[in-house]
Amino acid sequence: MTPLFGDISNIISLAITPSFLLLGAMMQLRVLHNRLARIIDHCRTLESRISSHRGIESVLMHQLSVLYRRMNAIHRAIGFSTGCVILVCSVIVALFTDDVFNMQLDSLIAFLFVTAMLMLIASFSLFLHEIFVATHSLPATALHRSHRRG
């Protein structure tokens, strides 16, 4: 085996770790996309019910405002996850570029990887926030809170 293949195999083994991070971020994007689709479907249902249900418009509008808050959190989480995916791909490209052109991109690779991780943390935090908003907007949760106070 020539030294060229030895170098490439080392770079490929280094690129495996970011590839697993890429897979995880893509799975998170799938979960976020599914949640967003369900929220949008529920919004459409509520919007169609608002005009036909006189007397409970305020309840439906409140539910709709909660869904809009959830949708906003999911949109931002998707943005951070997508940014993470782009940065992880950039890390992999930088690894190969560093090897092929014999450049010193260690600091750039570290910066890109840490930034990708921060974006993933932000995405998971927004995902957790959306779950928190969804859980605390349930009628049963509101009833449970009123019983604890009383």
N, C-alpha and C. Protein backbone atom coordinates (compact mmCIF):
# COMPACT_ATOMS: atom_id res chain seq x y z
N MET A 1 0.84 -1.18 0.00
CA MET A 1 0.00 0.00 0.00
C MET A 1 0.89 1.24 0.00
N THR A 2 0.49 2.22 -0.80
CA THR A 2 1.29 3.44 -0.90
C THR A 2 0.97 4.37 0.26
N PRO A 3 1.88 5.27 0.56
CA PRO A 3 1.61 6.23 1.65
C PRO A 3 0.38 7.09 1.40
N LEU A 4 0.04 7.30 0.12
CA LEU A 4 -1.15 8.11 -0.19
C LEU A 4 -2.40 7.46 0.40
N PHE A 5 -2.51 6.14 0.25
CA PHE A 5 -3.68 5.46 0.80
C PHE A 5 -3.68 5.48 2.32
N GLY A 6 -2.50 5.45 2.90
CA GLY A 6 -2.41 5.53 4.35
C GLY A 6 -2.93 6.87 4.86
N ASP A 7 -2.56 7.95 4.18
CA ASP A 7 -3.03 9.27 4.57
C ASP A 7 -4.54 9.40 4.38
N ILE A 8 -5.04 8.89 3.27
CA ILE A 8 -6.48 8.99 3.01
C ILE A 8 -7.25 8.18 4.03
N SER A 9 -6.76 7.00 4.39
CA SER A 9 -7.49 6.19 5.37
C SER A 9 -7.52 6.88 6.73
N ASN A 10 -6.44 7.60 7.07
CA ASN A 10 -6.44 8.35 8.33
C ASN A 10 -7.47 9.48 8.29
N ILE A 11 -7.53 10.18 7.17
CA ILE A 11 -8.49 11.28 7.04
C ILE A 11 -9.92 10.74 7.06
N ILE A 12 -10.13 9.61 6.39
CA ILE A 12 -11.47 9.01 6.39
C ILE A 12 -11.86 8.60 7.80
N SER A 13 -10.93 8.04 8.55
CA SER A 13 -11.25 7.67 9.93
C SER A 13 -11.52 8.91 10.78
N LEU A 14 -10.83 10.01 10.51
CA LEU A 14 -11.11 11.27 11.23
C LEU A 14 -12.47 11.84 10.84
N ALA A 15 -12.89 11.60 9.60
CA ALA A 15 -14.16 12.15 9.12
C ALA A 15 -15.36 11.34 9.60
N ILE A 16 -15.13 10.16 10.16
CA ILE A 16 -16.25 9.33 10.61
C ILE A 16 -16.97 9.97 11.80
N THR A 17 -16.23 10.54 12.73
CA THR A 17 -16.87 11.15 13.90
C THR A 17 -17.81 12.28 13.51
N PRO A 18 -17.38 13.24 12.68
CA PRO A 18 -18.35 14.26 12.27
C PRO A 18 -19.51 13.67 11.45
N SER A 19 -19.27 12.57 10.78
CA SER A 19 -20.35 11.94 10.01
C SER A 19 -21.44 11.41 10.93
N PHE A 20 -21.05 10.87 12.08
CA PHE A 20 -22.06 10.43 13.05
C PHE A 20 -22.84 11.62 13.60
N LEU A 21 -22.15 12.72 13.84
CA LEU A 21 -22.84 13.94 14.27
C LEU A 21 -23.79 14.41 13.18
N LEU A 22 -23.36 14.30 11.94
CA LEU A 22 -24.22 14.67 10.81
C LEU A 22 -25.48 13.80 10.79
N LEU A 23 -25.33 12.52 11.02
CA LEU A 23 -26.47 11.62 11.06
C LEU A 23 -27.44 11.99 12.18
N GLY A 24 -26.89 12.29 13.36
CA GLY A 24 -27.74 12.69 14.48
C GLY A 24 -28.49 13.98 14.21
N ALA A 25 -27.82 14.94 13.63
CA ALA A 25 -28.47 16.22 13.31
C ALA A 25 -29.55 16.02 12.25
N MET A 26 -29.31 15.14 11.29
CA MET A 26 -30.32 14.87 10.27
C MET A 26 -31.54 14.17 10.87
N MET A 27 -31.31 13.28 11.83
CA MET A 27 -32.44 12.63 12.51
C MET A 27 -33.24 13.65 13.31
N GLN A 28 -32.54 14.59 13.93
CA GLN A 28 -33.25 15.63 14.66
C GLN A 28 -34.06 16.50 13.70
N LEU A 29 -33.50 16.82 12.55
CA LEU A 29 -34.25 17.59 11.55
C LEU A 29 -35.52 16.86 11.14
N ARG A 30 -35.44 15.56 11.02
CA ARG A 30 -36.63 14.78 10.66
C ARG A 30 -37.70 14.87 11.75
N VAL A 31 -37.29 14.75 13.00
CA VAL A 31 -38.24 14.88 14.12
C VAL A 31 -38.85 16.27 14.14
N LEU A 32 -38.03 17.29 13.98
CA LEU A 32 -38.52 18.66 13.99
C LEU A 32 -39.49 18.91 12.83
N HIS A 33 -39.16 18.38 11.66
CA HIS A 33 -40.04 18.53 10.49
C HIS A 33 -41.39 17.87 10.75
N ASN A 34 -41.39 16.68 11.33
CA ASN A 34 -42.66 16.00 11.63
C ASN A 34 -43.49 16.77 12.63
N ARG A 35 -42.85 17.31 13.66
CA ARG A 35 -43.59 18.11 14.65
C ARG A 35 -44.16 19.37 14.01
N LEU A 36 -43.36 20.01 13.16
CA LEU A 36 -43.84 21.21 12.48
C LEU A 36 -45.02 20.89 11.58
N ALA A 37 -44.97 19.78 10.88
CA ALA A 37 -46.09 19.39 10.00
C ALA A 37 -47.36 19.16 10.82
N ARG A 38 -47.23 18.53 11.97
CA ARG A 38 -48.41 18.30 12.82
C ARG A 38 -48.97 19.60 13.37
N ILE A 39 -48.08 20.52 13.74
CA ILE A 39 -48.53 21.83 14.24
C ILE A 39 -49.27 22.58 13.14
N ILE A 40 -48.73 22.56 11.92
CA ILE A 40 -49.37 23.26 10.81
C ILE A 40 -50.74 22.66 10.51
N ASP A 41 -50.83 21.34 10.52
CA ASP A 41 -52.13 20.70 10.30
C ASP A 41 -53.14 21.10 11.37
N HIS A 42 -52.68 21.14 12.62
CA HIS A 42 -53.57 21.54 13.72
C HIS A 42 -53.99 23.00 13.59
N CYS A 43 -53.07 23.87 13.15
CA CYS A 43 -53.40 25.28 12.92
C CYS A 43 -54.48 25.42 11.86
N ARG A 44 -54.35 24.69 10.78
CA ARG A 44 -55.34 24.76 9.71
C ARG A 44 -56.71 24.30 10.19
N THR A 45 -56.72 23.26 11.00
CA THR A 45 -57.99 22.77 11.56
C THR A 45 -58.63 23.83 12.45
N LEU A 46 -57.82 24.43 13.31
CA LEU A 46 -58.36 25.47 14.21
C LEU A 46 -58.83 26.69 13.44
N GLU A 47 -58.08 27.10 12.43
CA GLU A 47 -58.47 28.27 11.65
C GLU A 47 -59.79 28.04 10.93
N SER A 48 -60.03 26.83 10.47
CA SER A 48 -61.31 26.54 9.81
C SER A 48 -62.45 26.47 10.82
N ARG A 49 -62.15 26.10 12.06
CA ARG A 49 -63.19 26.00 13.09
C ARG A 49 -63.56 27.35 13.68
N ILE A 50 -62.66 28.33 13.59
CA ILE A 50 -62.91 29.63 14.22
C ILE A 50 -64.17 30.29 13.64
N SER A 51 -64.31 30.26 12.33
CA SER A 51 -65.44 30.95 11.71
C SER A 51 -66.77 30.22 11.95
N SER A 52 -66.73 28.93 12.18
CA SER A 52 -67.98 28.19 12.33
C SER A 52 -68.41 27.98 13.78
N HIS A 53 -67.58 28.25 14.74
CA HIS A 53 -67.92 28.04 16.15
C HIS A 53 -68.02 29.38 16.87
N ARG A 54 -69.18 29.93 16.84
CA ARG A 54 -69.42 31.20 17.54
C ARG A 54 -69.46 30.95 19.04
N GLY A 55 -68.89 31.86 19.79
CA GLY A 55 -68.91 31.77 21.24
C GLY A 55 -67.65 31.19 21.84
N ILE A 56 -66.91 30.41 21.09
CA ILE A 56 -65.67 29.86 21.63
C ILE A 56 -64.46 30.34 20.83
N GLU A 57 -64.63 31.46 20.12
CA GLU A 57 -63.52 31.98 19.33
C GLU A 57 -62.32 32.31 20.20
N SER A 58 -62.55 32.81 21.41
CA SER A 58 -61.42 33.19 22.27
C SER A 58 -60.60 31.96 22.67
N VAL A 59 -61.27 30.85 22.93
CA VAL A 59 -60.56 29.61 23.28
C VAL A 59 -59.74 29.12 22.08
N LEU A 60 -60.37 29.15 20.90
CA LEU A 60 -59.66 28.70 19.70
C LEU A 60 -58.50 29.63 19.36
N MET A 61 -58.70 30.93 19.55
CA MET A 61 -57.63 31.89 19.29
C MET A 61 -56.45 31.68 20.25
N HIS A 62 -56.76 31.36 21.51
CA HIS A 62 -55.70 31.07 22.47
C HIS A 62 -54.92 29.83 22.04
N GLN A 63 -55.63 28.79 21.65
CA GLN A 63 -54.96 27.58 21.18
C GLN A 63 -54.10 27.88 19.95
N LEU A 64 -54.62 28.72 19.08
CA LEU A 64 -53.88 29.09 17.88
C LEU A 64 -52.61 29.88 18.23
N SER A 65 -52.71 30.77 19.20
CA SER A 65 -51.52 31.54 19.61
C SER A 65 -50.45 30.63 20.22
N VAL A 66 -50.88 29.61 20.97
CA VAL A 66 -49.92 28.65 21.52
C VAL A 66 -49.25 27.88 20.39
N LEU A 67 -50.04 27.49 19.39
CA LEU A 67 -49.47 26.77 18.24
C LEU A 67 -48.48 27.64 17.48
N TYR A 68 -48.77 28.93 17.36
CA TYR A 68 -47.84 29.85 16.69
C TYR A 68 -46.52 29.96 17.47
N ARG A 69 -46.60 29.98 18.82
CA ARG A 69 -45.39 30.01 19.63
C ARG A 69 -44.57 28.74 19.43
N ARG A 70 -45.27 27.61 19.39
CA ARG A 70 -44.58 26.34 19.16
C ARG A 70 -43.94 26.30 17.77
N MET A 71 -44.67 26.80 16.77
CA MET A 71 -44.17 26.82 15.41
C MET A 71 -42.92 27.69 15.31
N ASN A 72 -42.91 28.82 16.00
CA ASN A 72 -41.76 29.70 15.99
C ASN A 72 -40.54 29.01 16.59
N ALA A 73 -40.74 28.31 17.70
CA ALA A 73 -39.62 27.59 18.33
C ALA A 73 -39.08 26.50 17.41
N ILE A 74 -39.98 25.77 16.75
CA ILE A 74 -39.55 24.71 15.85
C ILE A 74 -38.81 25.29 14.64
N HIS A 75 -39.31 26.41 14.11
CA HIS A 75 -38.61 27.05 12.98
C HIS A 75 -37.18 27.41 13.35
N ARG A 76 -37.01 28.00 14.52
CA ARG A 76 -35.66 28.38 14.95
C ARG A 76 -34.80 27.15 15.19
N ALA A 77 -35.38 26.09 15.77
CA ALA A 77 -34.63 24.86 15.99
C ALA A 77 -34.19 24.24 14.67
N ILE A 78 -35.07 24.28 13.68
CA ILE A 78 -34.71 23.77 12.34
C ILE A 78 -33.56 24.59 11.76
N GLY A 79 -33.61 25.88 11.95
CA GLY A 79 -32.53 26.75 11.46
C GLY A 79 -31.19 26.40 12.10
N PHE A 80 -31.19 26.19 13.42
CA PHE A 80 -29.95 25.84 14.09
C PHE A 80 -29.46 24.45 13.68
N SER A 81 -30.37 23.50 13.52
CA SER A 81 -29.97 22.16 13.09
C SER A 81 -29.40 22.19 11.67
N THR A 82 -30.01 22.97 10.81
CA THR A 82 -29.50 23.09 9.45
C THR A 82 -28.13 23.74 9.45
N GLY A 83 -27.95 24.76 10.26
CA GLY A 83 -26.63 25.38 10.39
C GLY A 83 -25.60 24.39 10.90
N CYS A 84 -25.99 23.55 11.84
CA CYS A 84 -25.10 22.51 12.36
C CYS A 84 -24.69 21.55 11.25
N VAL A 85 -25.66 21.12 10.45
CA VAL A 85 -25.37 20.19 9.34
C VAL A 85 -24.38 20.82 8.36
N ILE A 86 -24.60 22.08 8.02
CA ILE A 86 -23.70 22.77 7.09
C ILE A 86 -22.28 22.87 7.67
N LEU A 87 -22.20 23.17 8.96
CA LEU A 87 -20.88 23.29 9.58
C LEU A 87 -20.17 21.94 9.69
N VAL A 88 -20.91 20.88 9.96
CA VAL A 88 -20.30 19.56 10.02
C VAL A 88 -19.78 19.15 8.65
N CYS A 89 -20.56 19.43 7.62
CA CYS A 89 -20.08 19.17 6.25
C CYS A 89 -18.82 19.99 5.96
N SER A 90 -18.78 21.21 6.45
CA SER A 90 -17.59 22.05 6.26
C SER A 90 -16.39 21.47 7.00
N VAL A 91 -16.62 20.89 8.17
CA VAL A 91 -15.53 20.24 8.91
C VAL A 91 -14.94 19.11 8.09
N ILE A 92 -15.80 18.30 7.49
CA ILE A 92 -15.33 17.17 6.69
C ILE A 92 -14.55 17.66 5.47
N VAL A 93 -15.07 18.69 4.82
CA VAL A 93 -14.36 19.26 3.67
C VAL A 93 -13.01 19.83 4.11
N ALA A 94 -12.99 20.52 5.24
CA ALA A 94 -11.74 21.11 5.73
C ALA A 94 -10.72 20.03 6.09
N LEU A 95 -11.19 18.90 6.62
CA LEU A 95 -10.27 17.80 6.92
C LEU A 95 -9.57 17.30 5.67
N PHE A 96 -10.34 17.08 4.61
CA PHE A 96 -9.74 16.61 3.36
C PHE A 96 -8.89 17.70 2.70
N THR A 97 -9.34 18.94 2.76
CA THR A 97 -8.57 20.05 2.18
C THR A 97 -7.24 20.20 2.90
N ASP A 98 -7.27 20.08 4.21
CA ASP A 98 -6.05 20.18 5.01
C ASP A 98 -5.04 19.10 4.59
N ASP A 99 -5.55 17.90 4.34
CA ASP A 99 -4.65 16.80 3.97
C ASP A 99 -4.15 16.93 2.54
N VAL A 100 -5.03 17.23 1.62
CA VAL A 100 -4.66 17.25 0.20
C VAL A 100 -3.71 18.40 -0.10
N PHE A 101 -4.00 19.59 0.40
CA PHE A 101 -3.18 20.76 0.08
C PHE A 101 -2.14 21.08 1.15
N ASN A 102 -2.05 20.21 2.16
CA ASN A 102 -1.07 20.35 3.23
C ASN A 102 -1.16 21.73 3.89
N MET A 103 -2.36 22.13 4.19
CA MET A 103 -2.61 23.42 4.84
C MET A 103 -2.73 23.19 6.34
N GLN A 104 -2.58 24.23 7.08
CA GLN A 104 -2.74 24.15 8.54
C GLN A 104 -4.11 24.69 8.92
N LEU A 105 -5.13 23.84 8.83
CA LEU A 105 -6.51 24.25 9.11
C LEU A 105 -7.01 23.74 10.45
N ASP A 106 -6.09 23.39 11.35
CA ASP A 106 -6.49 22.83 12.64
C ASP A 106 -7.41 23.77 13.42
N SER A 107 -7.04 25.04 13.46
CA SER A 107 -7.86 26.01 14.21
C SER A 107 -9.23 26.19 13.56
N LEU A 108 -9.26 26.24 12.25
CA LEU A 108 -10.53 26.38 11.53
C LEU A 108 -11.42 25.17 11.78
N ILE A 109 -10.85 23.98 11.71
CA ILE A 109 -11.61 22.75 11.93
C ILE A 109 -12.18 22.73 13.35
N ALA A 110 -11.36 23.09 14.32
CA ALA A 110 -11.83 23.13 15.71
C ALA A 110 -12.95 24.16 15.88
N PHE A 111 -12.76 25.34 15.29
CA PHE A 111 -13.78 26.38 15.38
C PHE A 111 -15.10 25.92 14.76
N LEU A 112 -15.03 25.33 13.56
CA LEU A 112 -16.24 24.86 12.88
C LEU A 112 -16.94 23.78 13.70
N PHE A 113 -16.17 22.86 14.27
CA PHE A 113 -16.76 21.77 15.04
C PHE A 113 -17.42 22.28 16.32
N VAL A 114 -16.74 23.17 17.02
CA VAL A 114 -17.32 23.72 18.26
C VAL A 114 -18.57 24.54 17.94
N THR A 115 -18.54 25.31 16.87
CA THR A 115 -19.71 26.09 16.47
C THR A 115 -20.86 25.18 16.09
N ALA A 116 -20.56 24.08 15.41
CA ALA A 116 -21.60 23.10 15.06
C ALA A 116 -22.23 22.52 16.32
N MET A 117 -21.41 22.21 17.29
CA MET A 117 -21.93 21.66 18.55
C MET A 117 -22.80 22.69 19.28
N LEU A 118 -22.39 23.95 19.27
CA LEU A 118 -23.19 25.00 19.91
C LEU A 118 -24.54 25.16 19.21
N MET A 119 -24.53 25.05 17.89
CA MET A 119 -25.79 25.14 17.14
C MET A 119 -26.69 23.95 17.45
N LEU A 120 -26.09 22.79 17.61
CA LEU A 120 -26.88 21.61 17.96
C LEU A 120 -27.47 21.75 19.36
N ILE A 121 -26.69 22.29 20.28
CA ILE A 121 -27.19 22.54 21.64
C ILE A 121 -28.35 23.53 21.59
N ALA A 122 -28.22 24.59 20.80
CA ALA A 122 -29.30 25.57 20.67
C ALA A 122 -30.54 24.93 20.07
N SER A 123 -30.36 24.08 19.10
CA SER A 123 -31.50 23.40 18.47
C SER A 123 -32.21 22.50 19.46
N PHE A 124 -31.44 21.71 20.22
CA PHE A 124 -32.07 20.85 21.23
C PHE A 124 -32.74 21.67 22.33
N SER A 125 -32.16 22.81 22.68
CA SER A 125 -32.78 23.67 23.69
C SER A 125 -34.12 24.21 23.21
N LEU A 126 -34.17 24.64 21.95
CA LEU A 126 -35.44 25.13 21.40
C LEU A 126 -36.46 24.00 21.27
N PHE A 127 -35.99 22.80 20.94
CA PHE A 127 -36.87 21.63 20.87
C PHE A 127 -37.46 21.36 22.25
N LEU A 128 -36.64 21.43 23.28
CA LEU A 128 -37.11 21.24 24.66
C LEU A 128 -38.10 22.35 25.04
N HIS A 129 -37.81 23.58 24.62
CA HIS A 129 -38.73 24.70 24.89
C HIS A 129 -40.08 24.45 24.22
N GLU A 130 -40.08 23.96 22.99
CA GLU A 130 -41.33 23.69 22.28
C GLU A 130 -42.12 22.60 23.00
N ILE A 131 -41.45 21.59 23.48
CA ILE A 131 -42.13 20.53 24.24
C ILE A 131 -42.71 21.10 25.52
N PHE A 132 -41.96 21.98 26.17
CA PHE A 132 -42.44 22.61 27.40
C PHE A 132 -43.70 23.44 27.13
N VAL A 133 -43.70 24.23 26.05
CA VAL A 133 -44.87 25.03 25.70
C VAL A 133 -46.05 24.12 25.37
N ALA A 134 -45.81 23.06 24.63
CA ALA A 134 -46.88 22.13 24.26
C ALA A 134 -47.47 21.45 25.49
N THR A 135 -46.61 21.03 26.41
CA THR A 135 -47.08 20.33 27.60
C THR A 135 -47.86 21.26 28.53
N HIS A 136 -47.40 22.48 28.68
CA HIS A 136 -48.06 23.40 29.59
C HIS A 136 -49.28 24.09 28.99
N SER A 137 -49.56 23.83 27.75
CA SER A 137 -50.75 24.42 27.14
C SER A 137 -51.90 23.44 27.09
N LEU A 138 -51.67 22.21 27.54
CA LEU A 138 -52.74 21.22 27.53
C LEU A 138 -53.80 21.59 28.56
N PRO A 139 -55.07 21.38 28.23
CA PRO A 139 -56.13 21.68 29.20
C PRO A 139 -55.98 20.89 30.50
N ALA A 140 -55.58 19.63 30.42
CA ALA A 140 -55.41 18.83 31.63
C ALA A 140 -54.33 19.42 32.52
N THR A 141 -53.28 19.96 31.93
CA THR A 141 -52.20 20.57 32.70
C THR A 141 -52.71 21.83 33.39
N ALA A 142 -53.53 22.60 32.69
CA ALA A 142 -54.09 23.81 33.29
C ALA A 142 -55.00 23.44 34.46
N LEU A 143 -55.79 22.39 34.30
CA LEU A 143 -56.64 21.94 35.40
C LEU A 143 -55.80 21.46 36.58
N HIS A 144 -54.74 20.73 36.29
CA HIS A 144 -53.87 20.23 37.35
C HIS A 144 -53.25 21.39 38.12
N ARG A 145 -52.83 22.45 37.41
CA ARG A 145 -52.23 23.61 38.08
C ARG A 145 -53.26 24.33 38.92
N SER A 146 -54.51 24.41 38.47
CA SER A 146 -55.52 25.11 39.26
C SER A 146 -55.90 24.32 40.49
N HIS A 147 -55.85 22.99 40.42
CA HIS A 147 -56.13 22.18 41.62
C HIS A 147 -55.01 22.28 42.66
N ARG A 148 -53.78 22.43 42.20
CA ARG A 148 -52.67 22.57 43.14
C ARG A 148 -52.75 23.90 43.89
N ARG A 149 -53.21 24.95 43.19
CA ARG A 149 -53.31 26.27 43.83
C ARG A 149 -54.45 26.29 44.85
N GLY A 150 -55.55 25.65 44.49
CA GLY A 150 -56.76 25.71 45.32
C GLY A 150 -56.76 24.81 46.45
